[in-house]
């Protein structure tokens, strides 16, 4: 059964992601208020965790094994260096600080 993202994030129980595959700052468009918020992202295997900063435990994640597409999305986001992770029931819009950084996130 599908567990809503908010409930999943409360059940994370992850204090710190050890030995990440990739990590860094991105801006994420919030689900409810549609505002851009800077978040620290950590990729570990098929999970992309996010938190308010490098020292805080993750408060949410994206299961990339469920992703239908991951692609550049400047036009949809209305921002340069944007990309989206499209899942069956949701879409995460993210913005990287540079073109190279966006390419690294998409290809990792």
PDB file of N, CA and C in Angstrom:
ATOM      1  N   UNK A   1       0.829  -1.189   0.000  1.00  0.00           N
ATOM      2  CA  UNK A   1       0.000   0.000   0.000  1.00  0.00           C
ATOM      3  C   UNK A   1       0.873   1.252   0.000  1.00  0.00           C
ATOM      4  N   UNK A   2       0.339   2.301  -0.561  1.00  0.00           N
ATOM      5  CA  UNK A   2       1.091   3.548  -0.701  1.00  0.00           C
ATOM      6  C   UNK A   2       0.978   4.361   0.581  1.00  0.00           C
ATOM      7  N   UNK A   3       2.123   4.776   1.103  1.00  0.00           N
ATOM      8  CA  UNK A   3       2.163   5.607   2.301  1.00  0.00           C
ATOM      9  C   UNK A   3       2.453   7.030   1.866  1.00  0.00           C
ATOM     10  N   UNK A   4       1.620   7.992   2.254  1.00  0.00           N
ATOM     11  CA  UNK A   4       1.872   9.385   1.850  1.00  0.00           C
ATOM     12  C   UNK A   4       3.260   9.849   2.256  1.00  0.00           C
ATOM     13  N   UNK A   5       3.859  10.723   1.452  1.00  0.00           N
ATOM     14  CA  UNK A   5       5.216  11.230   1.678  1.00  0.00           C
ATOM     15  C   UNK A   5       5.391  11.771   3.094  1.00  0.00           C
ATOM     16  N   UNK A   6       4.413  12.516   3.597  1.00  0.00           N
ATOM     17  CA  UNK A   6       4.520  13.121   4.924  1.00  0.00           C
ATOM     18  C   UNK A   6       4.643  12.034   5.993  1.00  0.00           C
ATOM     19  N   UNK A   7       3.861  10.987   5.865  1.00  0.00           N
ATOM     20  CA  UNK A   7       3.910   9.887   6.837  1.00  0.00           C
ATOM     21  C   UNK A   7       5.238   9.150   6.715  1.00  0.00           C
ATOM     22  N   UNK A   8       5.691   8.926   5.484  1.00  0.00           N
ATOM     23  CA  UNK A   8       6.972   8.266   5.273  1.00  0.00           C
ATOM     24  C   UNK A   8       8.085   9.031   5.971  1.00  0.00           C
ATOM     25  N   UNK A   9       8.102  10.348   5.809  1.00  0.00           N
ATOM     26  CA  UNK A   9       9.189  11.137   6.382  1.00  0.00           C
ATOM     27  C   UNK A   9       9.191  11.058   7.906  1.00  0.00           C
ATOM     28  N   UNK A  10       8.034  10.930   8.529  1.00  0.00           N
ATOM     29  CA  UNK A  10       7.969  10.809   9.979  1.00  0.00           C
ATOM     30  C   UNK A  10       8.510   9.452  10.436  1.00  0.00           C
ATOM     31  N   UNK A  11       8.458   8.468   9.564  1.00  0.00           N
ATOM     32  CA  UNK A  11       8.917   7.125   9.901  1.00  0.00           C
ATOM     33  C   UNK A  11      10.368   6.878   9.514  1.00  0.00           C
ATOM     34  N   UNK A  12      11.041   7.864   8.990  1.00  0.00           N
ATOM     35  CA  UNK A  12      12.401   7.660   8.478  1.00  0.00           C
ATOM     36  C   UNK A  12      13.319   6.999   9.491  1.00  0.00           C
ATOM     37  N   UNK A  13      13.418   7.571  10.672  1.00  0.00           N
ATOM     38  CA  UNK A  13      14.286   7.013  11.683  1.00  0.00           C
ATOM     39  C   UNK A  13      15.763   7.042  11.302  1.00  0.00           C
ATOM     40  N   UNK A  14      16.127   7.862  10.332  1.00  0.00           N
ATOM     41  CA  UNK A  14      17.512   7.959   9.889  1.00  0.00           C
ATOM     42  C   UNK A  14      18.110   9.215  10.508  1.00  0.00           C
ATOM     43  N   UNK A  15      19.111   9.030  11.328  1.00  0.00           N
ATOM     44  CA  UNK A  15      19.762  10.179  11.953  1.00  0.00           C
ATOM     45  C   UNK A  15      20.782  10.808  11.015  1.00  0.00           C
ATOM     46  N   UNK A  16      21.550   9.956  10.339  1.00  0.00           N
ATOM     47  CA  UNK A  16      22.586  10.440   9.433  1.00  0.00           C
ATOM     48  C   UNK A  16      22.804   9.377   8.369  1.00  0.00           C
ATOM     49  N   UNK A  17      22.968   9.818   7.128  1.00  0.00           N
ATOM     50  CA  UNK A  17      23.225   8.889   6.033  1.00  0.00           C
ATOM     51  C   UNK A  17      24.743   8.756   5.897  1.00  0.00           C
ATOM     52  N   UNK A  18      25.238   7.563   6.145  1.00  0.00           N
ATOM     53  CA  UNK A  18      26.682   7.311   6.092  1.00  0.00           C
ATOM     54  C   UNK A  18      27.127   6.982   4.673  1.00  0.00           C
ATOM     55  N   UNK A  19      28.325   7.401   4.312  1.00  0.00           N
ATOM     56  CA  UNK A  19      28.937   7.101   3.012  1.00  0.00           C
ATOM     57  C   UNK A  19      28.007   7.359   1.825  1.00  0.00           C
ATOM     58  N   UNK A  20      27.541   8.603   1.675  1.00  0.00           N
ATOM     59  CA  UNK A  20      26.618   8.897   0.566  1.00  0.00           C
ATOM     60  C   UNK A  20      27.290   8.753  -0.797  1.00  0.00           C
ATOM     61  N   UNK A  21      26.470   8.475  -1.809  1.00  0.00           N
ATOM     62  CA  UNK A  21      26.958   8.385  -3.179  1.00  0.00           C
ATOM     63  C   UNK A  21      27.162   9.784  -3.767  1.00  0.00           C
ATOM     64  N   UNK A  22      26.359  10.735  -3.295  1.00  0.00           N
ATOM     65  CA  UNK A  22      26.449  12.126  -3.762  1.00  0.00           C
ATOM     66  C   UNK A  22      25.683  12.980  -2.760  1.00  0.00           C
ATOM     67  N   UNK A  23      26.081  14.240  -2.614  1.00  0.00           N
ATOM     68  CA  UNK A  23      25.381  15.122  -1.670  1.00  0.00           C
ATOM     69  C   UNK A  23      25.611  16.581  -2.035  1.00  0.00           C
ATOM     70  N   UNK A  24      24.702  17.437  -1.579  1.00  0.00           N
ATOM     71  CA  UNK A  24      24.862  18.864  -1.813  1.00  0.00           C
ATOM     72  C   UNK A  24      23.556  19.627  -1.666  1.00  0.00           C
ATOM     73  N   UNK A  25      23.667  20.937  -1.825  1.00  0.00           N
ATOM     74  CA  UNK A  25      22.514  21.834  -1.691  1.00  0.00           C
ATOM     75  C   UNK A  25      21.737  21.933  -2.992  1.00  0.00           C
ATOM     76  N   UNK A  26      20.421  21.857  -2.881  1.00  0.00           N
ATOM     77  CA  UNK A  26      19.496  22.095  -3.985  1.00  0.00           C
ATOM     78  C   UNK A  26      18.327  22.897  -3.438  1.00  0.00           C
ATOM     79  N   UNK A  27      17.590  23.536  -4.323  1.00  0.00           N
ATOM     80  CA  UNK A  27      16.326  24.141  -3.913  1.00  0.00           C
ATOM     81  C   UNK A  27      15.210  23.195  -4.336  1.00  0.00           C
ATOM     82  N   UNK A  28      14.241  23.030  -3.452  1.00  0.00           N
ATOM     83  CA  UNK A  28      13.116  22.125  -3.697  1.00  0.00           C
ATOM     84  C   UNK A  28      11.825  22.927  -3.620  1.00  0.00           C
ATOM     85  N   UNK A  29      10.943  22.714  -4.579  1.00  0.00           N
ATOM     86  CA  UNK A  29       9.648  23.392  -4.541  1.00  0.00           C
ATOM     87  C   UNK A  29       8.748  22.647  -3.560  1.00  0.00           C
ATOM     88  N   UNK A  30       8.251  23.363  -2.565  1.00  0.00           N
ATOM     89  CA  UNK A  30       7.436  22.718  -1.535  1.00  0.00           C
ATOM     90  C   UNK A  30       6.107  22.238  -2.108  1.00  0.00           C
ATOM     91  N   UNK A  31       5.648  21.133  -1.569  1.00  0.00           N
ATOM     92  CA  UNK A  31       4.427  20.493  -2.059  1.00  0.00           C
ATOM     93  C   UNK A  31       3.191  21.355  -1.833  1.00  0.00           C
ATOM     94  N   UNK A  32       3.058  21.920  -0.640  1.00  0.00           N
ATOM     95  CA  UNK A  32       1.819  22.618  -0.287  1.00  0.00           C
ATOM     96  C   UNK A  32       1.838  24.094  -0.642  1.00  0.00           C
ATOM     97  N   UNK A  33       2.884  24.812  -0.265  1.00  0.00           N
ATOM     98  CA  UNK A  33       2.904  26.259  -0.473  1.00  0.00           C
ATOM     99  C   UNK A  33       3.516  26.667  -1.804  1.00  0.00           C
ATOM    100  N   UNK A  34       4.131  25.697  -2.496  1.00  0.00           N
ATOM    101  CA  UNK A  34       4.745  25.948  -3.812  1.00  0.00           C
ATOM    102  C   UNK A  34       5.844  26.995  -3.736  1.00  0.00           C
ATOM    103  N   UNK A  35       6.525  27.055  -2.592  1.00  0.00           N
ATOM    104  CA  UNK A  35       7.643  27.973  -2.420  1.00  0.00           C
ATOM    105  C   UNK A  35       8.951  27.198  -2.590  1.00  0.00           C
ATOM    106  N   UNK A  36       9.983  27.900  -3.055  1.00  0.00           N
ATOM    107  CA  UNK A  36      11.295  27.281  -3.193  1.00  0.00           C
ATOM    108  C   UNK A  36      12.011  27.335  -1.862  1.00  0.00           C
ATOM    109  N   UNK A  37      12.525  26.181  -1.427  1.00  0.00           N
ATOM    110  CA  UNK A  37      13.232  26.098  -0.155  1.00  0.00           C
ATOM    111  C   UNK A  37      14.565  25.396  -0.356  1.00  0.00           C
ATOM    112  N   UNK A  38      15.606  25.980   0.205  1.00  0.00           N
ATOM    113  CA  UNK A  38      16.933  25.380   0.116  1.00  0.00           C
ATOM    114  C   UNK A  38      16.984  24.182   1.062  1.00  0.00           C
ATOM    115  N   UNK A  39      17.424  23.041   0.531  1.00  0.00           N
ATOM    116  CA  UNK A  39      17.514  21.814   1.313  1.00  0.00           C
ATOM    117  C   UNK A  39      18.828  21.110   1.007  1.00  0.00           C
ATOM    118  N   UNK A  40      19.315  20.369   1.983  1.00  0.00           N
ATOM    119  CA  UNK A  40      20.531  19.592   1.791  1.00  0.00           C
ATOM    120  C   UNK A  40      20.119  18.173   1.395  1.00  0.00           C
ATOM    121  N   UNK A  41      20.591  17.736   0.236  1.00  0.00           N
ATOM    122  CA  UNK A  41      20.214  16.431  -0.307  1.00  0.00           C
ATOM    123  C   UNK A  41      21.376  15.451  -0.217  1.00  0.00           C
ATOM    124  N   UNK A  42      21.029  14.205   0.116  1.00  0.00           N
ATOM    125  CA  UNK A  42      22.020  13.133   0.206  1.00  0.00           C
ATOM    126  C   UNK A  42      21.481  11.928  -0.555  1.00  0.00           C
ATOM    127  N   UNK A  43      22.242  11.480  -1.541  1.00  0.00           N
ATOM    128  CA  UNK A  43      21.874  10.309  -2.329  1.00  0.00           C
ATOM    129  C   UNK A  43      22.611   9.094  -1.789  1.00  0.00           C
ATOM    130  N   UNK A  44      21.864   8.060  -1.460  1.00  0.00           N
ATOM    131  CA  UNK A  44      22.440   6.795  -0.991  1.00  0.00           C
ATOM    132  C   UNK A  44      21.654   5.671  -1.645  1.00  0.00           C
ATOM    133  N   UNK A  45      22.330   4.969  -2.557  1.00  0.00           N
ATOM    134  CA  UNK A  45      21.698   3.927  -3.360  1.00  0.00           C
ATOM    135  C   UNK A  45      20.495   4.518  -4.077  1.00  0.00           C
ATOM    136  N   UNK A  46      19.291   3.944  -3.884  1.00  0.00           N
ATOM    137  CA  UNK A  46      18.125   4.456  -4.617  1.00  0.00           C
ATOM    138  C   UNK A  46      17.327   5.496  -3.832  1.00  0.00           C
ATOM    139  N   UNK A  47      17.849   5.950  -2.690  1.00  0.00           N
ATOM    140  CA  UNK A  47      17.119   6.915  -1.877  1.00  0.00           C
ATOM    141  C   UNK A  47      17.792   8.288  -1.894  1.00  0.00           C
ATOM    142  N   UNK A  48      16.983   9.305  -2.144  1.00  0.00           N
ATOM    143  CA  UNK A  48      17.437  10.686  -2.119  1.00  0.00           C
ATOM    144  C   UNK A  48      16.801  11.344  -0.893  1.00  0.00           C
ATOM    145  N   UNK A  49      17.599  11.540   0.149  1.00  0.00           N
ATOM    146  CA  UNK A  49      17.120  12.121   1.403  1.00  0.00           C
ATOM    147  C   UNK A  49      17.311  13.633   1.371  1.00  0.00           C
ATOM    148  N   UNK A  50      16.448  14.353   2.104  1.00  0.00           N
ATOM    149  CA  UNK A  50      16.648  15.797   2.219  1.00  0.00           C
ATOM    150  C   UNK A  50      16.368  16.273   3.631  1.00  0.00           C
ATOM    151  N   UNK A  51      17.105  17.329   3.996  1.00  0.00           N
ATOM    152  CA  UNK A  51      16.981  17.907   5.332  1.00  0.00           C
ATOM    153  C   UNK A  51      17.242  19.411   5.252  1.00  0.00           C
ATOM    154  N   UNK A  52      17.031  20.109   6.360  1.00  0.00           N
ATOM    155  CA  UNK A  52      17.196  21.557   6.359  1.00  0.00           C
ATOM    156  C   UNK A  52      18.658  21.979   6.287  1.00  0.00           C
ATOM    157  N   UNK A  53      19.579  21.135   6.769  1.00  0.00           N
ATOM    158  CA  UNK A  53      21.011  21.421   6.650  1.00  0.00           C
ATOM    159  C   UNK A  53      21.817  20.125   6.775  1.00  0.00           C
ATOM    160  N   UNK A  54      23.144  20.246   6.647  1.00  0.00           N
ATOM    161  CA  UNK A  54      24.009  19.068   6.659  1.00  0.00           C
ATOM    162  C   UNK A  54      23.983  18.320   7.985  1.00  0.00           C
ATOM    163  N   UNK A  55      23.669  19.010   9.066  1.00  0.00           N
ATOM    164  CA  UNK A  55      23.742  18.408  10.396  1.00  0.00           C
ATOM    165  C   UNK A  55      22.410  17.910  10.942  1.00  0.00           C
ATOM    166  N   UNK A  56      21.323  18.152  10.224  1.00  0.00           N
ATOM    167  CA  UNK A  56      19.999  17.718  10.679  1.00  0.00           C
ATOM    168  C   UNK A  56      19.652  16.362  10.085  1.00  0.00           C
ATOM    169  N   UNK A  57      18.900  15.542  10.838  1.00  0.00           N
ATOM    170  CA  UNK A  57      18.460  14.273  10.258  1.00  0.00           C
ATOM    171  C   UNK A  57      17.501  14.536   9.096  1.00  0.00           C
ATOM    172  N   UNK A  58      17.477  13.659   8.115  1.00  0.00           N
ATOM    173  CA  UNK A  58      16.555  13.850   6.981  1.00  0.00           C
ATOM    174  C   UNK A  58      15.110  13.890   7.452  1.00  0.00           C
ATOM    175  N   UNK A  59      14.323  14.766   6.834  1.00  0.00           N
ATOM    176  CA  UNK A  59      12.899  14.819   7.162  1.00  0.00           C
ATOM    177  C   UNK A  59      12.030  14.353   5.994  1.00  0.00           C
ATOM    178  N   UNK A  60      12.674  13.907   4.934  1.00  0.00           N
ATOM    179  CA  UNK A  60      11.945  13.370   3.793  1.00  0.00           C
ATOM    180  C   UNK A  60      12.885  12.657   2.853  1.00  0.00           C
ATOM    181  N   UNK A  61      12.311  11.943   1.913  1.00  0.00           N
ATOM    182  CA  UNK A  61      13.129  11.245   0.933  1.00  0.00           C
ATOM    183  C   UNK A  61      12.318  10.954  -0.315  1.00  0.00           C
ATOM    184  N   UNK A  62      13.031  10.636  -1.380  1.00  0.00           N
ATOM    185  CA  UNK A  62      12.421  10.202  -2.631  1.00  0.00           C
ATOM    186  C   UNK A  62      13.002   8.822  -2.928  1.00  0.00           C
ATOM    187  N   UNK A  63      12.133   7.857  -3.185  1.00  0.00           N
ATOM    188  CA  UNK A  63      12.572   6.514  -3.575  1.00  0.00           C
ATOM    189  C   UNK A  63      12.769   6.528  -5.086  1.00  0.00           C
ATOM    190  N   UNK A  64      14.018   6.654  -5.515  1.00  0.00           N
ATOM    191  CA  UNK A  64      14.305   6.789  -6.940  1.00  0.00           C
ATOM    192  C   UNK A  64      14.015   5.518  -7.730  1.00  0.00           C
ATOM    193  N   UNK A  65      13.865   4.386  -7.050  1.00  0.00           N
ATOM    194  CA  UNK A  65      13.499   3.164  -7.773  1.00  0.00           C
ATOM    195  C   UNK A  65      12.077   3.272  -8.324  1.00  0.00           C
ATOM    196  N   UNK A  66      11.302   4.224  -7.797  1.00  0.00           N
ATOM    197  CA  UNK A  66       9.932   4.453  -8.256  1.00  0.00           C
ATOM    198  C   UNK A  66       9.836   5.575  -9.286  1.00  0.00           C
ATOM    199  N   UNK A  67      10.979   6.180  -9.625  1.00  0.00           N
ATOM    200  CA  UNK A  67      10.981   7.310 -10.560  1.00  0.00           C
ATOM    201  C   UNK A  67      10.669   6.844 -11.984  1.00  0.00           C
ATOM    202  N   UNK A  68       9.773   7.575 -12.635  1.00  0.00           N
ATOM    203  CA  UNK A  68       9.456   7.312 -14.035  1.00  0.00           C
ATOM    204  C   UNK A  68      10.453   8.029 -14.929  1.00  0.00           C
ATOM    205  N   UNK A  69      10.788   9.284 -14.574  1.00  0.00           N
ATOM    206  CA  UNK A  69      11.779  10.073 -15.315  1.00  0.00           C
ATOM    207  C   UNK A  69      12.524  10.997 -14.365  1.00  0.00           C
ATOM    208  N   UNK A  70      13.750  11.318 -14.751  1.00  0.00           N
ATOM    209  CA  UNK A  70      14.550  12.361 -14.106  1.00  0.00           C
ATOM    210  C   UNK A  70      15.127  13.163 -15.263  1.00  0.00           C
ATOM    211  N   UNK A  71      14.723  14.441 -15.369  1.00  0.00           N
ATOM    212  CA  UNK A  71      15.156  15.217 -16.533  1.00  0.00           C
ATOM    213  C   UNK A  71      15.185  16.711 -16.247  1.00  0.00           C
ATOM    214  N   UNK A  72      15.912  17.437 -17.094  1.00  0.00           N
ATOM    215  CA  UNK A  72      15.965  18.891 -17.002  1.00  0.00           C
ATOM    216  C   UNK A  72      14.558  19.461 -17.130  1.00  0.00           C
ATOM    217  N   UNK A  73      14.315  20.557 -16.425  1.00  0.00           N
ATOM    218  CA  UNK A  73      12.953  21.090 -16.394  1.00  0.00           C
ATOM    219  C   UNK A  73      12.919  22.599 -16.150  1.00  0.00           C
ATOM    220  N   UNK A  74      13.802  23.351 -16.842  1.00  0.00           N
ATOM    221  CA  UNK A  74      13.860  24.803 -16.648  1.00  0.00           C
ATOM    222  C   UNK A  74      12.521  25.481 -16.920  1.00  0.00           C
ATOM    223  N   UNK A  75      11.886  25.087 -18.013  1.00  0.00           N
ATOM    224  CA  UNK A  75      10.635  25.744 -18.406  1.00  0.00           C
ATOM    225  C   UNK A  75       9.529  25.502 -17.387  1.00  0.00           C
ATOM    226  N   UNK A  76       9.354  24.257 -16.970  1.00  0.00           N
ATOM    227  CA  UNK A  76       8.306  23.925 -16.006  1.00  0.00           C
ATOM    228  C   UNK A  76       8.528  24.632 -14.668  1.00  0.00           C
ATOM    229  N   UNK A  77       9.783  24.691 -14.232  1.00  0.00           N
ATOM    230  CA  UNK A  77      10.105  25.308 -12.947  1.00  0.00           C
ATOM    231  C   UNK A  77      10.182  26.830 -13.042  1.00  0.00           C
ATOM    232  N   UNK A  78      10.394  27.332 -14.256  1.00  0.00           N
ATOM    233  CA  UNK A  78      10.582  28.766 -14.417  1.00  0.00           C
ATOM    234  C   UNK A  78      11.904  29.228 -13.822  1.00  0.00           C
ATOM    235  N   UNK A  79      12.853  28.314 -13.731  1.00  0.00           N
ATOM    236  CA  UNK A  79      14.161  28.589 -13.121  1.00  0.00           C
ATOM    237  C   UNK A  79      15.249  27.915 -13.941  1.00  0.00           C
ATOM    238  N   UNK A  80      16.417  28.527 -13.957  1.00  0.00           N
ATOM    239  CA  UNK A  80      17.581  27.959 -14.623  1.00  0.00           C
ATOM    240  C   UNK A  80      18.144  26.816 -13.770  1.00  0.00           C
ATOM    241  N   UNK A  81      18.695  25.790 -14.409  1.00  0.00           N
ATOM    242  CA  UNK A  81      19.324  24.621 -13.779  1.00  0.00           C
ATOM    243  C   UNK A  81      18.333  23.745 -13.008  1.00  0.00           C
ATOM    244  N   UNK A  82      17.085  23.760 -13.418  1.00  0.00           N
ATOM    245  CA  UNK A  82      16.045  22.958 -12.760  1.00  0.00           C
ATOM    246  C   UNK A  82      16.001  21.550 -13.343  1.00  0.00           C
ATOM    247  N   UNK A  83      15.549  20.625 -12.513  1.00  0.00           N
ATOM    248  CA  UNK A  83      15.262  19.274 -12.986  1.00  0.00           C
ATOM    249  C   UNK A  83      14.123  18.697 -12.160  1.00  0.00           C
ATOM    250  N   UNK A  84      13.475  17.697 -12.724  1.00  0.00           N
ATOM    251  CA  UNK A  84      12.338  17.101 -12.029  1.00  0.00           C
ATOM    252  C   UNK A  84      12.512  15.602 -11.908  1.00  0.00           C
ATOM    253  N   UNK A  85      11.987  15.092 -10.808  1.00  0.00           N
ATOM    254  CA  UNK A  85      11.912  13.658 -10.583  1.00  0.00           C
ATOM    255  C   UNK A  85      10.427  13.332 -10.594  1.00  0.00           C
ATOM    256  N   UNK A  86      10.011  12.633 -11.625  1.00  0.00           N
ATOM    257  CA  UNK A  86       8.594  12.322 -11.772  1.00  0.00           C
ATOM    258  C   UNK A  86       8.325  10.908 -11.275  1.00  0.00           C
ATOM    259  N   UNK A  87       7.409  10.802 -10.327  1.00  0.00           N
ATOM    260  CA  UNK A  87       6.954   9.526  -9.799  1.00  0.00           C
ATOM    261  C   UNK A  87       5.530   9.289 -10.296  1.00  0.00           C
ATOM    262  N   UNK A  88       4.996   8.131 -10.019  1.00  0.00           N
ATOM    263  CA  UNK A  88       3.640   7.807 -10.475  1.00  0.00           C
ATOM    264  C   UNK A  88       2.622   8.835  -9.979  1.00  0.00           C
ATOM    265  N   UNK A  89       2.689   9.196  -8.691  1.00  0.00           N
ATOM    266  CA  UNK A  89       1.679  10.069  -8.098  1.00  0.00           C
ATOM    267  C   UNK A  89       2.169  11.457  -7.710  1.00  0.00           C
ATOM    268  N   UNK A  90       3.426  11.768  -8.013  1.00  0.00           N
ATOM    269  CA  UNK A  90       3.947  13.078  -7.619  1.00  0.00           C
ATOM    270  C   UNK A  90       5.145  13.466  -8.479  1.00  0.00           C
ATOM    271  N   UNK A  91       5.569  14.703  -8.288  1.00  0.00           N
ATOM    272  CA  UNK A  91       6.702  15.223  -9.049  1.00  0.00           C
ATOM    273  C   UNK A  91       7.496  16.146  -8.130  1.00  0.00           C
ATOM    274  N   UNK A  92       8.796  15.939  -8.062  1.00  0.00           N
ATOM    275  CA  UNK A  92       9.669  16.791  -7.277  1.00  0.00           C
ATOM    276  C   UNK A  92      10.410  17.721  -8.222  1.00  0.00           C
ATOM    277  N   UNK A  93      10.266  19.020  -8.017  1.00  0.00           N
ATOM    278  CA  UNK A  93      11.002  20.009  -8.797  1.00  0.00           C
ATOM    279  C   UNK A  93      12.168  20.498  -7.961  1.00  0.00           C
ATOM    280  N   UNK A  94      13.368  20.417  -8.540  1.00  0.00           N
ATOM    281  CA  UNK A  94      14.584  20.793  -7.843  1.00  0.00           C
ATOM    282  C   UNK A  94      15.396  21.740  -8.703  1.00  0.00           C
ATOM    283  N   UNK A  95      16.193  22.601  -8.063  1.00  0.00           N
ATOM    284  CA  UNK A  95      17.059  23.533  -8.778  1.00  0.00           C
ATOM    285  C   UNK A  95      18.468  23.413  -8.217  1.00  0.00           C
ATOM    286  N   UNK A  96      19.411  23.201  -9.123  1.00  0.00           N
ATOM    287  CA  UNK A  96      20.827  23.109  -8.764  1.00  0.00           C
ATOM    288  C   UNK A  96      21.483  24.481  -8.898  1.00  0.00           C
ATOM    289  N   UNK A  97      22.654  24.676  -8.280  1.00  0.00           N
ATOM    290  CA  UNK A  97      23.326  25.976  -8.378  1.00  0.00           C
ATOM    291  C   UNK A  97      24.029  26.226  -9.710  1.00  0.00           C
ATOM    292  N   UNK A  98      24.220  25.170 -10.527  1.00  0.00           N
ATOM    293  CA  UNK A  98      24.914  25.352 -11.804  1.00  0.00           C
ATOM    294  C   UNK A  98      24.505  24.242 -12.777  1.00  0.00           C
ATOM    295  N   UNK A  99      24.824  24.432 -14.050  1.00  0.00           N
ATOM    296  CA  UNK A  99      24.532  23.418 -15.063  1.00  0.00           C
ATOM    297  C   UNK A  99      25.308  22.134 -14.775  1.00  0.00           C
ATOM    298  N   UNK A 100      26.586  22.273 -14.410  1.00  0.00           N
ATOM    299  CA  UNK A 100      27.396  21.092 -14.111  1.00  0.00           C
ATOM    300  C   UNK A 100      26.813  20.328 -12.929  1.00  0.00           C
ATOM    301  N   UNK A 101      26.406  21.044 -11.892  1.00  0.00           N
ATOM    302  CA  UNK A 101      25.831  20.405 -10.720  1.00  0.00           C
ATOM    303  C   UNK A 101      24.539  19.677 -11.075  1.00  0.00           C
ATOM    304  N   UNK A 102      23.697  20.314 -11.898  1.00  0.00           N
ATOM    305  CA  UNK A 102      22.462  19.650 -12.338  1.00  0.00           C
ATOM    306  C   UNK A 102      22.794  18.370 -13.095  1.00  0.00           C
ATOM    307  N   UNK A 103      23.741  18.440 -14.014  1.00  0.00           N
ATOM    308  CA  UNK A 103      24.138  17.251 -14.791  1.00  0.00           C
ATOM    309  C   UNK A 103      24.646  16.142 -13.871  1.00  0.00           C
ATOM    310  N   UNK A 104      25.426  16.532 -12.863  1.00  0.00           N
ATOM    311  CA  UNK A 104      25.936  15.537 -11.919  1.00  0.00           C
ATOM    312  C   UNK A 104      24.807  14.845 -11.170  1.00  0.00           C
ATOM    313  N   UNK A 105      23.825  15.621 -10.698  1.00  0.00           N
ATOM    314  CA  UNK A 105      22.689  15.024  -9.980  1.00  0.00           C
ATOM    315  C   UNK A 105      21.897  14.089 -10.893  1.00  0.00           C
ATOM    316  N   UNK A 106      21.640  14.524 -12.113  1.00  0.00           N
ATOM    317  CA  UNK A 106      20.831  13.711 -13.027  1.00  0.00           C
ATOM    318  C   UNK A 106      21.552  12.415 -13.398  1.00  0.00           C
ATOM    319  N   UNK A 107      22.864  12.488 -13.594  1.00  0.00           N
ATOM    320  CA  UNK A 107      23.605  11.306 -14.048  1.00  0.00           C
ATOM    321  C   UNK A 107      24.044  10.371 -12.932  1.00  0.00           C
ATOM    322  N   UNK A 108      23.958  10.827 -11.695  1.00  0.00           N
ATOM    323  CA  UNK A 108      24.425   9.988 -10.571  1.00  0.00           C
ATOM    324  C   UNK A 108      23.404   8.952 -10.183  1.00  0.00           C
TER     325      UNK A 108
END
